[in-house]
């Protein structure tokens, strides 16, 4: 009778590998930074190894050698961040199963100690549970194709330019208000600026921002035409071409949803809930999901109310809509249900 001594196991996988002779999988938890990666490796079900710090290219070279030397399956995980999905694509090209997950608090025991190594270890342990079949261990983020990323970058850049224009315009209005003058809407436009009744010193200050605002407006107009030209020629009433393109490109692939509940969850327009025992409290929307898609749907809902007042759901909920704050929730729920179907048509 053989006995196994001095072996520390963190899961059942190591036991299966020892008794069945199978090849253990390798899990990599990665804490991503701009100039380096901190990686924790776990072989099979054994305890995770100490964290290692790699430069970007050095890590890819190390991962390629690891995959080449061990014929076992290699899995990797890292949190979604501002560095995009390039690491996931590079690891996938090396035949490594790489997942991107939602950022979350990894200090589950609330020790108030946070380091790159501890974060990478926590991700590695979550990945271990995920690989063993616990699909709730990781909150997977869908990785879009490079084509989808390029398409949605157009309207996102337009959104950023609109924000920059609003900030500069607000600075000009603030300057007028601070000196006792009535703010002028669109003061930077050529005709309005020429007739602007402000002191000469203020005009000179405003003149510093006016060319920038004109250039921004020109770029915004070009991007608007580009986006509208990409929309389908026939759109349902109340659904503009710009909104249609934004919704379609933010979703990416409608076929990844199995039902309407998944679409509603992705928009973040579902009511929040806090229930315990006999107490049930439904609060405001969760705002969980895509904020740009949510903003487009809210605009779509209010446009539906404004331009289609005789639409049956609007007529049905007219009394609710008249109560002000409840209007948004009522129409947004309808937009979740009818919006995707109309876009598909």
C-alpha atoms as a PDB file:
ATOM      1  CA  UNK A   1       0.000   0.000   0.000  1.00  0.00           C
ATOM      2  CA  UNK A   2       1.438   3.345  -1.078  1.00  0.00           C
ATOM      3  CA  UNK A   3       0.988   6.561   0.835  1.00  0.00           C
ATOM      4  CA  UNK A   4       1.413  10.130  -0.288  1.00  0.00           C
ATOM      5  CA  UNK A   5       3.058  12.442   2.223  1.00  0.00           C
ATOM      6  CA  UNK A   6       3.919  16.128   2.412  1.00  0.00           C
ATOM      7  CA  UNK A   7       1.614  17.150  -0.403  1.00  0.00           C
ATOM      8  CA  UNK A   8      -0.457  20.326  -0.167  1.00  0.00           C
ATOM      9  CA  UNK A   9      -3.427  20.536  -2.491  1.00  0.00           C
ATOM     10  CA  UNK A  10      -5.682  23.508  -3.169  1.00  0.00           C
ATOM     11  CA  UNK A  11      -8.210  21.655  -5.334  1.00  0.00           C
ATOM     12  CA  UNK A  12      -9.268  18.219  -6.505  1.00  0.00           C
ATOM     13  CA  UNK A  13      -7.455  18.663  -9.799  1.00  0.00           C
ATOM     14  CA  UNK A  14      -4.045  17.745  -8.389  1.00  0.00           C
ATOM     15  CA  UNK A  15      -5.462  14.559  -6.905  1.00  0.00           C
ATOM     16  CA  UNK A  16      -6.948  13.536 -10.247  1.00  0.00           C
ATOM     17  CA  UNK A  17      -3.659  14.215 -12.015  1.00  0.00           C
ATOM     18  CA  UNK A  18      -1.663  12.077  -9.570  1.00  0.00           C
ATOM     19  CA  UNK A  19      -3.945   9.080  -9.589  1.00  0.00           C
ATOM     20  CA  UNK A  20      -5.053   9.186 -13.237  1.00  0.00           C
ATOM     21  CA  UNK A  21      -1.752  10.270 -14.742  1.00  0.00           C
ATOM     22  CA  UNK A  22      -3.327  13.218 -16.492  1.00  0.00           C
ATOM     23  CA  UNK A  23      -1.609  16.471 -17.342  1.00  0.00           C
ATOM     24  CA  UNK A  24      -2.402  19.311 -14.973  1.00  0.00           C
ATOM     25  CA  UNK A  25      -3.559  22.613 -16.330  1.00  0.00           C
ATOM     26  CA  UNK A  26      -1.570  25.791 -15.730  1.00  0.00           C
ATOM     27  CA  UNK A  27      -3.321  28.948 -14.524  1.00  0.00           C
ATOM     28  CA  UNK A  28      -1.865  32.449 -14.706  1.00  0.00           C
ATOM     29  CA  UNK A  29      -3.235  35.395 -12.745  1.00  0.00           C
ATOM     30  CA  UNK A  30      -1.979  38.659 -14.242  1.00  0.00           C
ATOM     31  CA  UNK A  31      -1.983  42.106 -12.674  1.00  0.00           C
ATOM     32  CA  UNK A  32      -1.537  44.476 -15.628  1.00  0.00           C
ATOM     33  CA  UNK A  33       0.390  47.748 -15.532  1.00  0.00           C
ATOM     34  CA  UNK A  34       1.557  50.063 -18.257  1.00  0.00           C
ATOM     35  CA  UNK A  35       5.226  49.005 -18.185  1.00  0.00           C
ATOM     36  CA  UNK A  36       5.154  45.581 -16.550  1.00  0.00           C
ATOM     37  CA  UNK A  37       3.029  42.593 -15.534  1.00  0.00           C
ATOM     38  CA  UNK A  38       2.908  40.810 -12.180  1.00  0.00           C
ATOM     39  CA  UNK A  39       2.095  37.126 -12.702  1.00  0.00           C
ATOM     40  CA  UNK A  40       1.185  34.311 -10.320  1.00  0.00           C
ATOM     41  CA  UNK A  41       1.361  30.774 -11.711  1.00  0.00           C
ATOM     42  CA  UNK A  42      -0.533  27.742 -10.457  1.00  0.00           C
ATOM     43  CA  UNK A  43       0.240  24.265 -11.788  1.00  0.00           C
ATOM     44  CA  UNK A  44      -2.654  21.883 -11.441  1.00  0.00           C
ATOM     45  CA  UNK A  45      -4.305  22.145  -8.044  1.00  0.00           C
ATOM     46  CA  UNK A  46      -1.143  22.950  -6.092  1.00  0.00           C
ATOM     47  CA  UNK A  47      -0.661  26.164  -4.192  1.00  0.00           C
ATOM     48  CA  UNK A  48       0.099  29.216  -6.335  1.00  0.00           C
ATOM     49  CA  UNK A  49       3.747  30.045  -6.840  1.00  0.00           C
ATOM     50  CA  UNK A  50       5.262  33.353  -5.644  1.00  0.00           C
ATOM     51  CA  UNK A  51       4.523  36.346  -7.889  1.00  0.00           C
ATOM     52  CA  UNK A  52       6.900  37.220 -10.695  1.00  0.00           C
ATOM     53  CA  UNK A  53       7.391  40.587 -12.357  1.00  0.00           C
ATOM     54  CA  UNK A  54       7.947  40.750 -16.119  1.00  0.00           C
ATOM     55  CA  UNK A  55       8.455  43.428 -18.701  1.00  0.00           C
ATOM     56  CA  UNK A  56       5.838  43.254 -21.437  1.00  0.00           C
ATOM     57  CA  UNK A  57       7.879  41.516 -24.115  1.00  0.00           C
ATOM     58  CA  UNK A  58       9.640  39.318 -21.572  1.00  0.00           C
ATOM     59  CA  UNK A  59       6.302  38.025 -20.296  1.00  0.00           C
ATOM     60  CA  UNK A  60       5.100  37.080 -23.772  1.00  0.00           C
ATOM     61  CA  UNK A  61       8.382  35.259 -24.404  1.00  0.00           C
ATOM     62  CA  UNK A  62       8.067  33.448 -21.050  1.00  0.00           C
ATOM     63  CA  UNK A  63       4.441  32.510 -21.728  1.00  0.00           C
ATOM     64  CA  UNK A  64       5.339  31.140 -25.161  1.00  0.00           C
ATOM     65  CA  UNK A  65       8.104  28.978 -23.655  1.00  0.00           C
ATOM     66  CA  UNK A  66       5.762  27.804 -20.900  1.00  0.00           C
ATOM     67  CA  UNK A  67       3.180  26.721 -23.441  1.00  0.00           C
ATOM     68  CA  UNK A  68       5.802  25.049 -25.606  1.00  0.00           C
ATOM     69  CA  UNK A  69       7.503  23.105 -22.797  1.00  0.00           C
ATOM     70  CA  UNK A  70       4.314  21.846 -21.148  1.00  0.00           C
ATOM     71  CA  UNK A  71       1.768  20.296 -23.463  1.00  0.00           C
ATOM     72  CA  UNK A  72      -0.937  21.007 -20.860  1.00  0.00           C
ATOM     73  CA  UNK A  73      -3.688  23.569 -21.267  1.00  0.00           C
ATOM     74  CA  UNK A  74      -2.682  27.059 -20.142  1.00  0.00           C
ATOM     75  CA  UNK A  75      -5.255  29.561 -18.873  1.00  0.00           C
ATOM     76  CA  UNK A  76      -4.748  33.231 -18.034  1.00  0.00           C
ATOM     77  CA  UNK A  77      -6.897  36.003 -16.592  1.00  0.00           C
ATOM     78  CA  UNK A  78      -6.582  39.730 -15.995  1.00  0.00           C
ATOM     79  CA  UNK A  79      -8.906  42.588 -15.143  1.00  0.00           C
ATOM     80  CA  UNK A  80     -10.288  44.897 -17.813  1.00  0.00           C
ATOM     81  CA  UNK A  81      -8.481  48.226 -17.691  1.00  0.00           C
ATOM     82  CA  UNK A  82      -7.458  51.177 -19.808  1.00  0.00           C
ATOM     83  CA  UNK A  83      -4.865  49.125 -21.694  1.00  0.00           C
ATOM     84  CA  UNK A  84      -7.465  47.424 -23.852  1.00  0.00           C
ATOM     85  CA  UNK A  85      -7.545  43.850 -25.085  1.00  0.00           C
ATOM     86  CA  UNK A  86      -4.163  43.637 -26.824  1.00  0.00           C
ATOM     87  CA  UNK A  87      -2.739  41.297 -24.164  1.00  0.00           C
ATOM     88  CA  UNK A  88      -5.690  38.935 -24.551  1.00  0.00           C
ATOM     89  CA  UNK A  89      -5.220  38.803 -28.307  1.00  0.00           C
ATOM     90  CA  UNK A  90      -1.478  38.176 -28.014  1.00  0.00           C
ATOM     91  CA  UNK A  91      -1.954  35.352 -25.520  1.00  0.00           C
ATOM     92  CA  UNK A  92      -4.730  33.837 -27.633  1.00  0.00           C
ATOM     93  CA  UNK A  93      -2.313  33.838 -30.582  1.00  0.00           C
ATOM     94  CA  UNK A  94      -0.016  31.672 -28.423  1.00  0.00           C
ATOM     95  CA  UNK A  95      -2.896  29.159 -27.921  1.00  0.00           C
ATOM     96  CA  UNK A  96      -3.370  30.312 -24.314  1.00  0.00           C
ATOM     97  CA  UNK A  97      -6.961  30.576 -23.090  1.00  0.00           C
ATOM     98  CA  UNK A  98      -7.069  34.149 -21.802  1.00  0.00           C
ATOM     99  CA  UNK A  99     -10.065  35.720 -20.072  1.00  0.00           C
ATOM    100  CA  UNK A 100     -10.743  39.364 -19.280  1.00  0.00           C
ATOM    101  CA  UNK A 101     -12.889  40.007 -16.208  1.00  0.00           C
ATOM    102  CA  UNK A 102     -14.647  42.976 -14.655  1.00  0.00           C
ATOM    103  CA  UNK A 103     -12.552  44.967 -12.161  1.00  0.00           C
ATOM    104  CA  UNK A 104     -13.519  44.083  -8.622  1.00  0.00           C
ATOM    105  CA  UNK A 105     -12.371  44.226  -5.028  1.00  0.00           C
ATOM    106  CA  UNK A 106     -10.004  41.279  -4.658  1.00  0.00           C
ATOM    107  CA  UNK A 107      -9.476  41.656  -0.891  1.00  0.00           C
ATOM    108  CA  UNK A 108     -12.333  39.303  -0.032  1.00  0.00           C
ATOM    109  CA  UNK A 109     -11.247  38.945   3.614  1.00  0.00           C
ATOM    110  CA  UNK A 110     -11.083  42.736   4.042  1.00  0.00           C
ATOM    111  CA  UNK A 111      -7.512  42.709   5.360  1.00  0.00           C
ATOM    112  CA  UNK A 112      -6.887  46.206   3.982  1.00  0.00           C
ATOM    113  CA  UNK A 113      -3.681  45.021   2.367  1.00  0.00           C
ATOM    114  CA  UNK A 114      -3.330  45.443  -1.379  1.00  0.00           C
ATOM    115  CA  UNK A 115      -0.311  44.585  -3.478  1.00  0.00           C
ATOM    116  CA  UNK A 116       0.181  43.567  -7.085  1.00  0.00           C
ATOM    117  CA  UNK A 117       1.185  40.067  -5.990  1.00  0.00           C
ATOM    118  CA  UNK A 118      -1.922  39.590  -3.849  1.00  0.00           C
ATOM    119  CA  UNK A 119      -4.171  40.792  -6.676  1.00  0.00           C
ATOM    120  CA  UNK A 120      -2.529  38.414  -9.151  1.00  0.00           C
ATOM    121  CA  UNK A 121      -2.855  35.540  -6.651  1.00  0.00           C
ATOM    122  CA  UNK A 122      -6.539  36.275  -6.046  1.00  0.00           C
ATOM    123  CA  UNK A 123      -7.185  36.287  -9.800  1.00  0.00           C
ATOM    124  CA  UNK A 124      -5.298  33.022 -10.164  1.00  0.00           C
ATOM    125  CA  UNK A 125      -7.388  31.316  -7.477  1.00  0.00           C
ATOM    126  CA  UNK A 126     -10.613  32.578  -9.038  1.00  0.00           C
ATOM    127  CA  UNK A 127      -9.417  31.231 -12.391  1.00  0.00           C
ATOM    128  CA  UNK A 128      -8.724  27.865 -10.745  1.00  0.00           C
ATOM    129  CA  UNK A 129     -12.347  27.632  -9.592  1.00  0.00           C
ATOM    130  CA  UNK A 130     -13.561  28.767 -13.016  1.00  0.00           C
ATOM    131  CA  UNK A 131     -11.548  26.109 -14.860  1.00  0.00           C
ATOM    132  CA  UNK A 132     -12.923  23.422 -12.542  1.00  0.00           C
ATOM    133  CA  UNK A 133     -16.452  24.287 -13.597  1.00  0.00           C
ATOM    134  CA  UNK A 134     -17.622  27.122 -11.349  1.00  0.00           C
ATOM    135  CA  UNK A 135     -18.790  29.556 -14.037  1.00  0.00           C
ATOM    136  CA  UNK A 136     -19.748  32.148 -11.416  1.00  0.00           C
ATOM    137  CA  UNK A 137     -16.172  32.479 -10.181  1.00  0.00           C
ATOM    138  CA  UNK A 138     -15.331  35.047 -12.879  1.00  0.00           C
ATOM    139  CA  UNK A 139     -17.331  37.906 -14.361  1.00  0.00           C
ATOM    140  CA  UNK A 140     -16.189  37.501 -17.947  1.00  0.00           C
ATOM    141  CA  UNK A 141     -15.959  40.561 -20.194  1.00  0.00           C
ATOM    142  CA  UNK A 142     -16.683  40.029 -23.863  1.00  0.00           C
ATOM    143  CA  UNK A 143     -13.627  40.792 -25.979  1.00  0.00           C
ATOM    144  CA  UNK A 144     -14.716  42.568 -29.172  1.00  0.00           C
ATOM    145  CA  UNK A 145     -13.052  42.007 -32.481  1.00  0.00           C
ATOM    146  CA  UNK A 146     -10.595  44.607 -33.713  1.00  0.00           C
ATOM    147  CA  UNK A 147     -13.116  45.588 -36.394  1.00  0.00           C
ATOM    148  CA  UNK A 148     -15.808  46.266 -33.783  1.00  0.00           C
ATOM    149  CA  UNK A 149     -13.365  48.285 -31.704  1.00  0.00           C
ATOM    150  CA  UNK A 150     -12.473  50.434 -34.690  1.00  0.00           C
ATOM    151  CA  UNK A 151     -16.131  51.029 -35.543  1.00  0.00           C
ATOM    152  CA  UNK A 152     -17.199  52.056 -32.055  1.00  0.00           C
ATOM    153  CA  UNK A 153     -14.115  54.268 -31.666  1.00  0.00           C
ATOM    154  CA  UNK A 154     -15.670  56.675 -34.204  1.00  0.00           C
ATOM    155  CA  UNK A 155     -18.772  57.617 -32.210  1.00  0.00           C
ATOM    156  CA  UNK A 156     -16.803  57.524 -28.962  1.00  0.00           C
ATOM    157  CA  UNK A 157     -14.380  60.072 -30.365  1.00  0.00           C
ATOM    158  CA  UNK A 158     -17.315  62.208 -31.433  1.00  0.00           C
ATOM    159  CA  UNK A 159     -18.662  61.989 -27.887  1.00  0.00           C
ATOM    160  CA  UNK A 160     -15.303  63.164 -26.531  1.00  0.00           C
ATOM    161  CA  UNK A 161     -15.189  66.081 -28.967  1.00  0.00           C
ATOM    162  CA  UNK A 162     -18.710  67.127 -27.977  1.00  0.00           C
ATOM    163  CA  UNK A 163     -17.646  67.057 -24.341  1.00  0.00           C
ATOM    164  CA  UNK A 164     -14.601  69.209 -25.065  1.00  0.00           C
ATOM    165  CA  UNK A 165     -16.770  71.706 -26.962  1.00  0.00           C
ATOM    166  CA  UNK A 166     -19.237  71.932 -24.082  1.00  0.00           C
ATOM    167  CA  UNK A 167     -16.458  72.548 -21.572  1.00  0.00           C
ATOM    168  CA  UNK A 168     -14.884  75.362 -23.573  1.00  0.00           C
ATOM    169  CA  UNK A 169     -18.291  76.928 -24.259  1.00  0.00           C
ATOM    170  CA  UNK A 170     -19.118  76.758 -20.543  1.00  0.00           C
ATOM    171  CA  UNK A 171     -15.860  78.510 -19.706  1.00  0.00           C
ATOM    172  CA  UNK A 172     -16.877  81.438 -21.896  1.00  0.00           C
ATOM    173  CA  UNK A 173     -20.335  81.676 -20.328  1.00  0.00           C
ATOM    174  CA  UNK A 174     -18.801  81.463 -16.861  1.00  0.00           C
ATOM    175  CA  UNK A 175     -16.513  84.383 -17.691  1.00  0.00           C
ATOM    176  CA  UNK A 176     -19.528  86.492 -18.654  1.00  0.00           C
ATOM    177  CA  UNK A 177     -21.502  85.578 -15.519  1.00  0.00           C
ATOM    178  CA  UNK A 178     -18.538  86.293 -13.231  1.00  0.00           C
ATOM    179  CA  UNK A 179     -18.452  89.861 -14.480  1.00  0.00           C
ATOM    180  CA  UNK A 180     -22.173  90.559 -14.285  1.00  0.00           C
ATOM    181  CA  UNK A 181     -23.096  89.882 -17.906  1.00  0.00           C
ATOM    182  CA  UNK A 182     -25.878  87.687 -19.204  1.00  0.00           C
ATOM    183  CA  UNK A 183     -24.478  84.407 -20.649  1.00  0.00           C
ATOM    184  CA  UNK A 184     -24.899  84.052 -24.389  1.00  0.00           C
ATOM    185  CA  UNK A 185     -25.715  80.626 -25.804  1.00  0.00           C
ATOM    186  CA  UNK A 186     -23.376  79.553 -28.642  1.00  0.00           C
ATOM    187  CA  UNK A 187     -21.337  82.719 -28.150  1.00  0.00           C
ATOM    188  CA  UNK A 188     -18.484  81.265 -30.207  1.00  0.00           C
ATOM    189  CA  UNK A 189     -20.366  81.081 -33.513  1.00  0.00           C
ATOM    190  CA  UNK A 190     -19.297  83.661 -36.077  1.00  0.00           C
ATOM    191  CA  UNK A 191     -22.428  85.827 -36.229  1.00  0.00           C
ATOM    192  CA  UNK A 192     -23.075  85.635 -32.489  1.00  0.00           C
ATOM    193  CA  UNK A 193     -19.485  86.477 -31.640  1.00  0.00           C
ATOM    194  CA  UNK A 194     -19.441  89.455 -33.992  1.00  0.00           C
ATOM    195  CA  UNK A 195     -22.518  90.935 -32.242  1.00  0.00           C
ATOM    196  CA  UNK A 196     -21.345  90.017 -28.722  1.00  0.00           C
ATOM    197  CA  UNK A 197     -21.700  92.977 -26.358  1.00  0.00           C
ATOM    198  CA  UNK A 198     -18.739  92.416 -24.039  1.00  0.00           C
ATOM    199  CA  UNK A 199     -15.708  94.543 -23.074  1.00  0.00           C
ATOM    200  CA  UNK A 200     -12.665  94.420 -25.326  1.00  0.00           C
ATOM    201  CA  UNK A 201     -10.498  92.606 -22.775  1.00  0.00           C
ATOM    202  CA  UNK A 202     -13.147  89.880 -22.417  1.00  0.00           C
ATOM    203  CA  UNK A 203     -13.492  89.569 -26.182  1.00  0.00           C
ATOM    204  CA  UNK A 204      -9.744  88.942 -26.412  1.00  0.00           C
ATOM    205  CA  UNK A 205      -9.975  86.179 -23.821  1.00  0.00           C
ATOM    206  CA  UNK A 206     -12.935  84.596 -25.594  1.00  0.00           C
ATOM    207  CA  UNK A 207     -11.083  84.864 -28.869  1.00  0.00           C
ATOM    208  CA  UNK A 208      -8.501  82.397 -27.510  1.00  0.00           C
ATOM    209  CA  UNK A 209     -11.139  79.657 -27.405  1.00  0.00           C
ATOM    210  CA  UNK A 210     -13.307  80.599 -30.380  1.00  0.00           C
ATOM    211  CA  UNK A 211     -11.050  79.091 -33.127  1.00  0.00           C
ATOM    212  CA  UNK A 212     -10.794  75.864 -31.133  1.00  0.00           C
ATOM    213  CA  UNK A 213     -14.570  75.685 -30.782  1.00  0.00           C
ATOM    214  CA  UNK A 214     -15.091  76.295 -34.495  1.00  0.00           C
ATOM    215  CA  UNK A 215     -12.591  73.564 -35.369  1.00  0.00           C
ATOM    216  CA  UNK A 216     -14.251  71.172 -32.912  1.00  0.00           C
ATOM    217  CA  UNK A 217     -17.671  71.868 -34.391  1.00  0.00           C
ATOM    218  CA  UNK A 218     -16.330  71.183 -37.873  1.00  0.00           C
ATOM    219  CA  UNK A 219     -14.877  67.828 -36.817  1.00  0.00           C
ATOM    220  CA  UNK A 220     -18.086  66.911 -34.975  1.00  0.00           C
ATOM    221  CA  UNK A 221     -20.152  67.669 -38.074  1.00  0.00           C
ATOM    222  CA  UNK A 222     -17.913  65.464 -40.237  1.00  0.00           C
ATOM    223  CA  UNK A 223     -18.102  62.564 -37.795  1.00  0.00           C
ATOM    224  CA  UNK A 224     -21.867  62.995 -37.543  1.00  0.00           C
ATOM    225  CA  UNK A 225     -22.258  62.680 -41.303  1.00  0.00           C
ATOM    226  CA  UNK A 226     -19.951  59.669 -41.343  1.00  0.00           C
ATOM    227  CA  UNK A 227     -21.992  57.902 -38.665  1.00  0.00           C
ATOM    228  CA  UNK A 228     -25.374  58.768 -40.154  1.00  0.00           C
ATOM    229  CA  UNK A 229     -24.280  57.512 -43.574  1.00  0.00           C
ATOM    230  CA  UNK A 230     -23.482  54.136 -42.017  1.00  0.00           C
ATOM    231  CA  UNK A 231     -27.042  53.667 -40.735  1.00  0.00           C
ATOM    232  CA  UNK A 232     -29.729  51.711 -42.545  1.00  0.00           C
ATOM    233  CA  UNK A 233     -31.672  53.912 -44.993  1.00  0.00           C
ATOM    234  CA  UNK A 234     -35.064  53.210 -43.430  1.00  0.00           C
ATOM    235  CA  UNK A 235     -35.398  53.685 -39.672  1.00  0.00           C
ATOM    236  CA  UNK A 236     -38.478  53.318 -37.447  1.00  0.00           C
ATOM    237  CA  UNK A 237     -40.122  56.546 -36.398  1.00  0.00           C
ATOM    238  CA  UNK A 238     -38.487  57.963 -33.293  1.00  0.00           C
ATOM    239  CA  UNK A 239     -35.213  56.089 -33.875  1.00  0.00           C
ATOM    240  CA  UNK A 240     -32.683  58.405 -35.485  1.00  0.00           C
ATOM    241  CA  UNK A 241     -29.789  57.258 -37.612  1.00  0.00           C
ATOM    242  CA  UNK A 242     -27.216  58.377 -35.056  1.00  0.00           C
ATOM    243  CA  UNK A 243     -28.925  56.485 -32.228  1.00  0.00           C
ATOM    244  CA  UNK A 244     -29.299  53.408 -34.404  1.00  0.00           C
ATOM    245  CA  UNK A 245     -25.586  53.323 -35.216  1.00  0.00           C
ATOM    246  CA  UNK A 246     -24.540  53.915 -31.594  1.00  0.00           C
ATOM    247  CA  UNK A 247     -26.785  51.137 -30.271  1.00  0.00           C
ATOM    248  CA  UNK A 248     -25.703  48.702 -32.961  1.00  0.00           C
ATOM    249  CA  UNK A 249     -21.984  49.341 -32.523  1.00  0.00           C
ATOM    250  CA  UNK A 250     -22.069  49.319 -28.731  1.00  0.00           C
ATOM    251  CA  UNK A 251     -23.868  45.972 -28.757  1.00  0.00           C
ATOM    252  CA  UNK A 252     -21.533  44.548 -31.397  1.00  0.00           C
ATOM    253  CA  UNK A 253     -23.226  41.197 -31.884  1.00  0.00           C
ATOM    254  CA  UNK A 254     -26.900  40.781 -30.996  1.00  0.00           C
ATOM    255  CA  UNK A 255     -26.608  37.004 -31.221  1.00  0.00           C
ATOM    256  CA  UNK A 256     -24.577  36.823 -28.014  1.00  0.00           C
ATOM    257  CA  UNK A 257     -27.799  37.425 -26.038  1.00  0.00           C
ATOM    258  CA  UNK A 258     -30.145  34.512 -25.454  1.00  0.00           C
ATOM    259  CA  UNK A 259     -33.141  36.470 -24.158  1.00  0.00           C
ATOM    260  CA  UNK A 260     -34.424  39.945 -23.373  1.00  0.00           C
ATOM    261  CA  UNK A 261     -33.363  39.709 -19.751  1.00  0.00           C
ATOM    262  CA  UNK A 262     -29.720  39.543 -20.771  1.00  0.00           C
ATOM    263  CA  UNK A 263     -30.166  42.629 -22.945  1.00  0.00           C
ATOM    264  CA  UNK A 264     -31.827  44.498 -20.082  1.00  0.00           C
ATOM    265  CA  UNK A 265     -29.022  43.511 -17.725  1.00  0.00           C
ATOM    266  CA  UNK A 266     -26.404  44.751 -20.190  1.00  0.00           C
ATOM    267  CA  UNK A 267     -28.079  48.149 -20.423  1.00  0.00           C
ATOM    268  CA  UNK A 268     -28.101  48.596 -16.645  1.00  0.00           C
ATOM    269  CA  UNK A 269     -31.734  49.758 -16.683  1.00  0.00           C
ATOM    270  CA  UNK A 270     -32.955  47.000 -14.369  1.00  0.00           C
ATOM    271  CA  UNK A 271     -34.174  48.058 -10.901  1.00  0.00           C
ATOM    272  CA  UNK A 272     -31.811  47.480  -8.009  1.00  0.00           C
ATOM    273  CA  UNK A 273     -32.991  45.329  -5.146  1.00  0.00           C
ATOM    274  CA  UNK A 274     -32.098  44.869  -1.488  1.00  0.00           C
ATOM    275  CA  UNK A 275     -34.079  42.029   0.070  1.00  0.00           C
ATOM    276  CA  UNK A 276     -33.548  40.235   3.345  1.00  0.00           C
ATOM    277  CA  UNK A 277     -36.048  38.195   5.338  1.00  0.00           C
ATOM    278  CA  UNK A 278     -39.498  39.744   5.014  1.00  0.00           C
ATOM    279  CA  UNK A 279     -38.098  43.033   3.722  1.00  0.00           C
ATOM    280  CA  UNK A 280     -37.956  43.792   0.013  1.00  0.00           C
ATOM    281  CA  UNK A 281     -36.731  47.094  -1.362  1.00  0.00           C
ATOM    282  CA  UNK A 282     -36.487  47.917  -5.070  1.00  0.00           C
ATOM    283  CA  UNK A 283     -34.347  50.961  -5.700  1.00  0.00           C
ATOM    284  CA  UNK A 284     -33.191  52.928  -8.744  1.00  0.00           C
ATOM    285  CA  UNK A 285     -31.676  51.300 -11.815  1.00  0.00           C
ATOM    286  CA  UNK A 286     -28.459  49.380 -11.257  1.00  0.00           C
ATOM    287  CA  UNK A 287     -26.456  51.220 -13.960  1.00  0.00           C
ATOM    288  CA  UNK A 288     -24.621  47.946 -14.445  1.00  0.00           C
ATOM    289  CA  UNK A 289     -23.391  47.473 -17.977  1.00  0.00           C
ATOM    290  CA  UNK A 290     -22.631  49.764 -20.882  1.00  0.00           C
ATOM    291  CA  UNK A 291     -23.121  53.471 -19.966  1.00  0.00           C
ATOM    292  CA  UNK A 292     -23.071  54.673 -23.583  1.00  0.00           C
ATOM    293  CA  UNK A 293     -25.775  52.213 -24.571  1.00  0.00           C
ATOM    294  CA  UNK A 294     -27.813  53.260 -21.548  1.00  0.00           C
ATOM    295  CA  UNK A 295     -27.550  56.948 -22.459  1.00  0.00           C
ATOM    296  CA  UNK A 296     -28.596  56.233 -26.045  1.00  0.00           C
ATOM    297  CA  UNK A 297     -31.654  54.286 -24.852  1.00  0.00           C
ATOM    298  CA  UNK A 298     -32.708  57.034 -22.447  1.00  0.00           C
ATOM    299  CA  UNK A 299     -32.515  59.585 -25.276  1.00  0.00           C
ATOM    300  CA  UNK A 300     -34.455  57.178 -27.475  1.00  0.00           C
ATOM    301  CA  UNK A 301     -37.165  56.840 -24.837  1.00  0.00           C
ATOM    302  CA  UNK A 302     -37.667  60.578 -24.423  1.00  0.00           C
ATOM    303  CA  UNK A 303     -37.615  61.043 -28.191  1.00  0.00           C
ATOM    304  CA  UNK A 304     -40.330  58.415 -28.426  1.00  0.00           C
ATOM    305  CA  UNK A 305     -42.481  60.386 -25.974  1.00  0.00           C
ATOM    306  CA  UNK A 306     -41.869  63.686 -27.719  1.00  0.00           C
ATOM    307  CA  UNK A 307     -42.323  62.721 -31.362  1.00  0.00           C
ATOM    308  CA  UNK A 308     -44.795  59.823 -31.024  1.00  0.00           C
ATOM    309  CA  UNK A 309     -47.300  60.954 -28.380  1.00  0.00           C
ATOM    310  CA  UNK A 310     -49.996  58.691 -29.849  1.00  0.00           C
ATOM    311  CA  UNK A 311     -47.860  55.545 -29.635  1.00  0.00           C
ATOM    312  CA  UNK A 312     -49.910  52.945 -27.707  1.00  0.00           C
ATOM    313  CA  UNK A 313     -47.467  52.347 -24.805  1.00  0.00           C
ATOM    314  CA  UNK A 314     -47.077  56.121 -24.385  1.00  0.00           C
ATOM    315  CA  UNK A 315     -50.834  56.597 -24.327  1.00  0.00           C
ATOM    316  CA  UNK A 316     -51.194  53.696 -21.892  1.00  0.00           C
ATOM    317  CA  UNK A 317     -48.700  55.218 -19.477  1.00  0.00           C
ATOM    318  CA  UNK A 318     -49.677  58.842 -19.980  1.00  0.00           C
ATOM    319  CA  UNK A 319     -50.723  59.258 -16.367  1.00  0.00           C
ATOM    320  CA  UNK A 320     -47.462  57.778 -15.125  1.00  0.00           C
ATOM    321  CA  UNK A 321     -45.473  59.972 -17.492  1.00  0.00           C
ATOM    322  CA  UNK A 322     -47.200  63.041 -16.116  1.00  0.00           C
ATOM    323  CA  UNK A 323     -45.704  62.403 -12.693  1.00  0.00           C
ATOM    324  CA  UNK A 324     -42.264  63.493 -13.835  1.00  0.00           C
ATOM    325  CA  UNK A 325     -39.594  61.304 -12.267  1.00  0.00           C
ATOM    326  CA  UNK A 326     -41.473  58.079 -13.054  1.00  0.00           C
ATOM    327  CA  UNK A 327     -41.474  58.926 -16.735  1.00  0.00           C
ATOM    328  CA  UNK A 328     -37.917  57.851 -17.347  1.00  0.00           C
ATOM    329  CA  UNK A 329     -38.329  54.448 -15.753  1.00  0.00           C
ATOM    330  CA  UNK A 330     -41.579  53.657 -17.523  1.00  0.00           C
ATOM    331  CA  UNK A 331     -40.418  54.481 -21.024  1.00  0.00           C
ATOM    332  CA  UNK A 332     -36.910  53.116 -20.591  1.00  0.00           C
ATOM    333  CA  UNK A 333     -38.354  49.683 -19.790  1.00  0.00           C
ATOM    334  CA  UNK A 334     -40.265  49.797 -23.049  1.00  0.00           C
ATOM    335  CA  UNK A 335     -37.166  50.948 -24.927  1.00  0.00           C
ATOM    336  CA  UNK A 336     -35.264  47.904 -23.697  1.00  0.00           C
ATOM    337  CA  UNK A 337     -37.911  45.639 -25.193  1.00  0.00           C
ATOM    338  CA  UNK A 338     -38.599  47.374 -28.479  1.00  0.00           C
ATOM    339  CA  UNK A 339     -35.240  48.991 -29.258  1.00  0.00           C
ATOM    340  CA  UNK A 340     -33.226  45.905 -30.313  1.00  0.00           C
ATOM    341  CA  UNK A 341     -36.098  44.495 -32.355  1.00  0.00           C
ATOM    342  CA  UNK A 342     -36.453  47.744 -34.280  1.00  0.00           C
ATOM    343  CA  UNK A 343     -32.735  47.962 -34.919  1.00  0.00           C
ATOM    344  CA  UNK A 344     -32.710  44.432 -36.324  1.00  0.00           C
ATOM    345  CA  UNK A 345     -35.473  45.338 -38.723  1.00  0.00           C
END
